[in-house]
């Protein structure tokens, strides 16, 4: 099951209390203060992983908490720190504070831990509190509470190319043709109900790149119609877009205009991304009178493979240029 949103509650560990104690020596009923400090409460961090692709585990578990620091002891013994935990999330996960809406973390770089809930500081024992003014403090500090937060996790898949088109435009067939991805394919709308990712191997020394196929867009998608706005965010991070238009459509130019309009209503930055226009299903063109695509458009058939290599080469060049110009 593809889950791209989750609400979780995190509670970092409280700090341990400092200790109030004195040295015990023969014939010396009250020695110097030697109460140790409390240990720090456990931290909670997140780390991006390329091995998981959904927030399913977060949605089902929801509660994450770690242990408190141990209390300080006599003989200046510091309490043990609480256990830190690291939560793995898919690369591309954005973490928001649910109460304020503030972004706490944007988990893009795999393997780099990001602290999201800090453990409480341990309280100081009376040894640490002793000073020239008060050599025998009759107190020790309590540990500080660990941070507690309600967080909203939103996944935006990381890909180089985003495939955009109306339902049944041939996006999934194209993805399965150029990569090892095996999305569900059938001859009815909304076969794709979740983003699919495929890695396209570069040819002739070109670098590999990642392609994302999102569910088809219809008019009003930016307001949530169809599968709508929920999946438009999955192409926000892409470097470029491939706009696939069904070659069997009676008005391919109108379909293209609708798609670009929906993109611009959702995000102007999305509409301004580099893109190429592709007329699909060329195997269904009448052999004696094939349609003339608008200037600058590519044509292909993902079923027969006609001009698929040409399209992939174009996408590869777009990715290369985007990577070179990326900040």
Protein backbone atom coordinates (compact mmCIF):
# COMPACT_ATOMS: atom_id res chain seq x y z
CA UNK A 1 0.00 0.00 0.00
CA UNK A 2 1.36 3.41 -0.98
CA UNK A 3 0.94 5.87 1.88
CA UNK A 4 2.40 9.34 1.40
CA UNK A 5 1.06 11.14 4.48
CA UNK A 6 1.20 10.31 8.17
CA UNK A 7 0.74 12.00 11.54
CA UNK A 8 3.06 10.86 14.31
CA UNK A 9 3.64 11.79 17.95
CA UNK A 10 7.23 11.90 19.21
CA UNK A 11 8.40 12.19 22.82
CA UNK A 12 12.10 12.51 23.57
CA UNK A 13 13.36 11.25 26.91
CA UNK A 14 13.39 13.39 30.04
CA UNK A 15 16.69 14.16 31.70
CA UNK A 16 17.63 12.26 34.84
CA UNK A 17 17.69 14.03 38.18
CA UNK A 18 20.92 15.14 39.76
CA UNK A 19 21.95 13.46 43.01
CA UNK A 20 22.29 15.09 46.45
CA UNK A 21 25.00 13.18 48.31
CA UNK A 22 28.21 13.64 50.29
CA UNK A 23 31.45 11.74 50.63
CA UNK A 24 31.43 9.19 53.41
CA UNK A 25 34.73 8.65 55.20
CA UNK A 26 35.62 7.21 58.58
CA UNK A 27 35.53 9.78 61.35
CA UNK A 28 34.14 12.33 58.91
CA UNK A 29 30.34 12.36 59.13
CA UNK A 30 29.84 14.82 56.30
CA UNK A 31 32.40 15.08 53.53
CA UNK A 32 32.43 17.12 50.38
CA UNK A 33 29.38 17.11 48.07
CA UNK A 34 29.73 14.31 45.51
CA UNK A 35 26.30 13.86 43.99
CA UNK A 36 26.54 13.06 40.29
CA UNK A 37 24.60 14.62 37.41
CA UNK A 38 21.59 13.03 35.77
CA UNK A 39 21.93 11.59 32.28
CA UNK A 40 20.52 13.25 29.16
CA UNK A 41 17.20 12.01 27.83
CA UNK A 42 17.21 10.10 24.55
CA UNK A 43 17.05 12.09 21.29
CA UNK A 44 14.77 11.23 18.35
CA UNK A 45 16.13 11.74 14.83
CA UNK A 46 15.00 10.89 11.32
CA UNK A 47 17.13 9.69 8.44
CA UNK A 48 16.25 9.45 4.75
CA UNK A 49 16.50 6.00 3.20
CA UNK A 50 16.40 4.89 -0.41
CA UNK A 51 15.31 1.41 0.69
CA UNK A 52 11.77 2.40 1.66
CA UNK A 53 9.29 4.20 -0.56
CA UNK A 54 6.18 4.75 1.56
CA UNK A 55 5.18 6.12 4.95
CA UNK A 56 3.21 2.98 5.75
CA UNK A 57 5.19 2.13 8.89
CA UNK A 58 4.71 5.66 10.24
CA UNK A 59 0.97 5.60 9.60
CA UNK A 60 0.50 2.37 11.53
CA UNK A 61 2.88 2.95 14.45
CA UNK A 62 2.27 6.68 15.05
CA UNK A 63 3.84 6.81 18.53
CA UNK A 64 7.61 7.19 18.97
CA UNK A 65 9.18 7.73 22.38
CA UNK A 66 12.52 7.02 23.92
CA UNK A 67 13.86 6.53 27.43
CA UNK A 68 14.76 9.06 30.08
CA UNK A 69 18.25 9.60 31.40
CA UNK A 70 19.20 7.72 34.55
CA UNK A 71 19.47 9.65 37.80
CA UNK A 72 22.86 10.67 39.12
CA UNK A 73 24.36 8.74 42.03
CA UNK A 74 26.74 9.32 44.89
CA UNK A 75 30.50 9.12 44.43
CA UNK A 76 30.07 11.60 41.55
CA UNK A 77 28.51 8.98 39.28
CA UNK A 78 26.75 10.49 36.27
CA UNK A 79 23.55 8.79 35.18
CA UNK A 80 23.47 6.95 31.86
CA UNK A 81 21.98 8.84 28.91
CA UNK A 82 18.64 7.73 27.53
CA UNK A 83 18.60 5.64 24.38
CA UNK A 84 18.56 7.63 21.13
CA UNK A 85 16.33 6.36 18.34
CA UNK A 86 16.51 7.03 14.60
CA UNK A 87 13.38 6.77 12.45
CA UNK A 88 13.86 5.82 8.80
CA UNK A 89 11.68 7.67 6.29
CA UNK A 90 11.65 7.60 2.48
CA UNK A 91 13.97 10.06 0.80
CA UNK A 92 11.89 13.11 -0.10
CA UNK A 93 9.88 13.22 3.14
CA UNK A 94 9.06 16.68 4.50
CA UNK A 95 8.35 16.89 8.24
CA UNK A 96 6.09 19.65 9.57
CA UNK A 97 5.18 20.68 13.10
CA UNK A 98 1.46 19.93 13.04
CA UNK A 99 0.63 22.79 15.43
CA UNK A 100 2.61 25.60 13.78
CA UNK A 101 2.94 24.32 10.21
CA UNK A 102 6.69 25.02 10.37
CA UNK A 103 8.99 22.73 8.37
CA UNK A 104 11.25 20.89 10.80
CA UNK A 105 13.13 18.72 8.33
CA UNK A 106 13.36 18.07 4.60
CA UNK A 107 14.82 14.59 4.28
CA UNK A 108 16.53 14.61 0.90
CA UNK A 109 20.08 13.36 1.48
CA UNK A 110 20.10 9.64 2.40
CA UNK A 111 21.96 8.55 5.51
CA UNK A 112 22.16 11.97 7.20
CA UNK A 113 20.36 11.99 10.60
CA UNK A 114 18.25 15.06 11.42
CA UNK A 115 17.32 15.75 15.05
CA UNK A 116 13.56 16.31 15.43
CA UNK A 117 13.03 15.94 19.20
CA UNK A 118 15.77 16.76 21.69
CA UNK A 119 16.18 14.81 24.91
CA UNK A 120 15.99 16.76 28.16
CA UNK A 121 19.20 17.88 29.84
CA UNK A 122 20.16 15.97 32.96
CA UNK A 123 19.95 17.81 36.26
CA UNK A 124 23.18 18.76 38.01
CA UNK A 125 24.15 17.00 41.20
CA UNK A 126 25.27 18.93 44.26
CA UNK A 127 28.93 18.42 43.36
CA UNK A 128 28.46 20.44 40.14
CA UNK A 129 26.43 23.05 42.05
CA UNK A 130 29.15 23.67 44.67
CA UNK A 131 30.80 27.08 44.39
CA UNK A 132 33.00 29.42 46.38
CA UNK A 133 29.86 31.04 47.79
CA UNK A 134 28.12 27.76 48.59
CA UNK A 135 30.50 24.90 49.24
CA UNK A 136 27.79 22.54 50.47
CA UNK A 137 24.62 23.08 48.43
CA UNK A 138 21.67 21.33 50.03
CA UNK A 139 20.00 20.60 46.72
CA UNK A 140 20.32 18.99 43.30
CA UNK A 141 18.59 19.86 40.03
CA UNK A 142 15.74 17.92 38.49
CA UNK A 143 16.15 16.78 34.90
CA UNK A 144 14.56 18.82 32.12
CA UNK A 145 11.67 17.35 30.11
CA UNK A 146 12.37 16.05 26.61
CA UNK A 147 10.70 17.67 23.61
CA UNK A 148 7.26 16.41 22.68
CA UNK A 149 5.76 17.09 19.26
CA UNK A 150 2.96 16.14 16.92
CA UNK A 151 4.39 15.93 13.42
CA UNK A 152 2.94 15.65 9.94
CA UNK A 153 5.02 13.72 7.43
CA UNK A 154 4.45 14.33 3.72
CA UNK A 155 6.27 12.38 1.03
CA UNK A 156 7.32 14.04 -2.23
CA UNK A 157 9.03 11.44 -4.37
CA UNK A 158 12.49 12.23 -5.70
CA UNK A 159 12.85 11.79 -9.44
CA UNK A 160 14.55 13.41 -12.43
CA UNK A 161 11.63 13.20 -14.85
CA UNK A 162 7.94 13.37 -14.01
CA UNK A 163 5.47 11.78 -16.43
CA UNK A 164 2.33 13.90 -16.76
CA UNK A 165 -0.78 13.08 -18.75
CA UNK A 166 -4.47 12.38 -18.73
CA UNK A 167 -5.64 8.97 -17.49
CA UNK A 168 -4.75 6.20 -19.94
CA UNK A 169 -2.29 8.32 -21.91
CA UNK A 170 0.30 5.52 -21.86
CA UNK A 171 2.52 6.72 -19.01
CA UNK A 172 2.70 3.37 -17.21
CA UNK A 173 3.33 1.46 -20.44
CA UNK A 174 6.15 3.85 -21.28
CA UNK A 175 7.68 3.49 -17.80
CA UNK A 176 7.58 -0.29 -17.99
CA UNK A 177 9.21 -0.13 -21.44
CA UNK A 178 12.19 2.00 -20.39
CA UNK A 179 12.83 0.63 -16.89
CA UNK A 180 12.35 -2.44 -14.72
CA UNK A 181 9.32 -0.87 -13.02
CA UNK A 182 6.17 -2.94 -13.40
CA UNK A 183 3.20 -0.64 -12.77
CA UNK A 184 -0.33 -1.93 -13.22
CA UNK A 185 -1.43 -1.47 -16.83
CA UNK A 186 -4.97 -1.83 -18.17
CA UNK A 187 -7.23 -0.24 -20.78
CA UNK A 188 -9.28 1.93 -18.41
CA UNK A 189 -8.74 5.27 -16.65
CA UNK A 190 -6.96 5.61 -13.32
CA UNK A 191 -5.10 2.32 -13.56
CA UNK A 192 -2.27 4.12 -11.73
CA UNK A 193 -3.45 5.07 -8.25
CA UNK A 194 -0.03 5.76 -6.71
CA UNK A 195 3.29 7.11 -8.02
CA UNK A 196 5.62 4.56 -9.59
CA UNK A 197 9.37 5.04 -9.91
CA UNK A 198 11.68 3.51 -12.49
CA UNK A 199 15.41 3.81 -13.07
CA UNK A 200 16.37 4.31 -16.71
CA UNK A 201 19.87 3.09 -17.54
CA UNK A 202 21.90 5.63 -19.49
CA UNK A 203 23.25 4.68 -22.90
CA UNK A 204 26.51 5.60 -24.60
CA UNK A 205 28.05 6.82 -21.36
CA UNK A 206 25.04 8.84 -20.23
CA UNK A 207 24.11 8.78 -16.54
CA UNK A 208 21.09 6.84 -15.33
CA UNK A 209 18.04 8.83 -14.26
CA UNK A 210 14.84 8.26 -12.30
CA UNK A 211 11.38 8.61 -13.84
CA UNK A 212 8.17 9.04 -11.80
CA UNK A 213 4.76 8.09 -13.18
CA UNK A 214 1.93 9.78 -11.28
CA UNK A 215 -1.82 9.13 -11.58
CA UNK A 216 -3.49 10.79 -14.55
CA UNK A 217 -4.62 14.41 -14.35
CA UNK A 218 -8.06 15.61 -15.31
CA UNK A 219 -9.55 19.08 -15.47
CA UNK A 220 -9.86 20.36 -11.90
CA UNK A 221 -7.04 18.20 -10.55
CA UNK A 222 -5.51 21.23 -8.84
CA UNK A 223 -8.62 21.47 -6.64
CA UNK A 224 -8.69 17.76 -5.82
CA UNK A 225 -10.88 16.32 -8.58
CA UNK A 226 -10.07 12.79 -9.64
CA UNK A 227 -6.93 11.71 -7.79
CA UNK A 228 -6.07 15.39 -7.94
CA UNK A 229 -3.84 17.52 -5.82
CA UNK A 230 -2.73 14.65 -3.60
CA UNK A 231 -0.32 13.41 -6.25
CA UNK A 232 0.64 16.66 -7.99
CA UNK A 233 3.17 17.30 -5.22
CA UNK A 234 5.07 14.20 -6.30
CA UNK A 235 6.40 15.99 -9.36
CA UNK A 236 7.34 19.19 -7.51
CA UNK A 237 10.92 17.97 -7.02
CA UNK A 238 11.44 16.62 -10.54
CA UNK A 239 14.04 18.29 -12.73
CA UNK A 240 11.89 18.17 -15.87
CA UNK A 241 8.51 16.99 -17.14
CA UNK A 242 7.47 14.69 -19.95
CA UNK A 243 3.93 15.59 -21.03
CA UNK A 244 2.31 12.54 -22.63
CA UNK A 245 -0.67 13.13 -24.90
CA UNK A 246 -2.82 10.25 -26.15
CA UNK A 247 -2.29 10.00 -29.90
CA UNK A 248 -5.87 8.74 -30.27
CA UNK A 249 -7.27 11.97 -28.82
CA UNK A 250 -9.29 14.04 -31.30
CA UNK A 251 -7.83 17.25 -29.82
CA UNK A 252 -4.27 16.62 -28.54
CA UNK A 253 -3.44 20.33 -28.44
CA UNK A 254 -6.44 21.00 -26.19
CA UNK A 255 -5.42 18.12 -23.92
CA UNK A 256 -1.94 19.62 -23.64
CA UNK A 257 -3.34 23.06 -22.85
CA UNK A 258 -5.54 21.60 -20.10
CA UNK A 259 -2.62 19.76 -18.49
CA UNK A 260 -0.38 22.82 -18.52
CA UNK A 261 -3.22 24.92 -17.10
CA UNK A 262 -3.70 22.47 -14.21
CA UNK A 263 0.02 22.52 -13.48
CA UNK A 264 0.12 26.32 -13.44
CA UNK A 265 -2.88 26.54 -11.12
CA UNK A 266 -1.20 24.16 -8.68
CA UNK A 267 2.25 25.74 -8.89
CA UNK A 268 3.68 28.25 -11.34
CA UNK A 269 7.16 26.88 -10.66
CA UNK A 270 5.90 23.45 -11.71
CA UNK A 271 4.49 24.84 -14.95
CA UNK A 272 7.83 26.54 -15.71
CA UNK A 273 9.93 23.39 -15.42
CA UNK A 274 11.72 22.20 -18.58
CA UNK A 275 9.41 19.87 -20.49
CA UNK A 276 8.97 17.92 -23.67
CA UNK A 277 5.67 17.09 -25.36
CA UNK A 278 5.15 13.51 -26.51
CA UNK A 279 2.35 12.15 -28.68
CA UNK A 280 1.85 8.51 -27.67
CA UNK A 281 0.31 5.40 -29.26
CA UNK A 282 1.72 6.06 -32.72
CA UNK A 283 0.99 2.38 -33.52
CA UNK A 284 -2.69 3.38 -33.70
CA UNK A 285 -2.13 6.15 -36.24
CA UNK A 286 -3.79 5.53 -39.63
CA UNK A 287 -0.89 4.40 -41.83
CA UNK A 288 -2.20 6.33 -44.84
CA UNK A 289 -2.95 9.55 -42.93
CA UNK A 290 -1.02 9.84 -39.63
CA UNK A 291 -1.68 13.02 -37.61
CA UNK A 292 0.90 15.77 -37.85
CA UNK A 293 2.08 16.55 -34.30
CA UNK A 294 2.56 20.22 -33.37
CA UNK A 295 6.02 21.61 -34.00
CA UNK A 296 8.56 20.41 -31.46
CA UNK A 297 6.54 17.43 -30.29
CA UNK A 298 7.88 13.88 -30.28
CA UNK A 299 5.91 10.81 -31.25
CA UNK A 300 6.33 7.25 -30.03
CA UNK A 301 4.65 3.92 -29.36
CA UNK A 302 5.49 2.35 -26.02
CA UNK A 303 3.75 -0.83 -27.20
CA UNK A 304 5.85 -1.42 -30.32
CA UNK A 305 8.89 0.57 -29.17
CA UNK A 306 8.77 2.93 -32.14
CA UNK A 307 10.96 5.98 -31.35
CA UNK A 308 11.11 5.12 -27.63
CA UNK A 309 14.92 5.32 -27.79
CA UNK A 310 14.65 8.77 -29.32
CA UNK A 311 12.38 9.95 -26.52
CA UNK A 312 14.69 8.49 -23.86
CA UNK A 313 17.66 10.25 -25.47
CA UNK A 314 15.79 13.56 -25.30
CA UNK A 315 14.91 13.00 -21.65
CA UNK A 316 18.50 12.06 -20.88
CA UNK A 317 19.76 15.31 -22.39
CA UNK A 318 17.19 17.29 -20.41
CA UNK A 319 18.29 15.63 -17.17
CA UNK A 320 21.97 16.23 -17.94
CA UNK A 321 21.34 19.93 -18.61
CA UNK A 322 19.19 20.28 -15.47
CA UNK A 323 21.85 18.63 -13.30
CA UNK A 324 24.55 20.89 -14.71
CA UNK A 325 22.56 24.05 -14.04
CA UNK A 326 21.22 23.00 -10.62
CA UNK A 327 22.33 25.27 -7.75
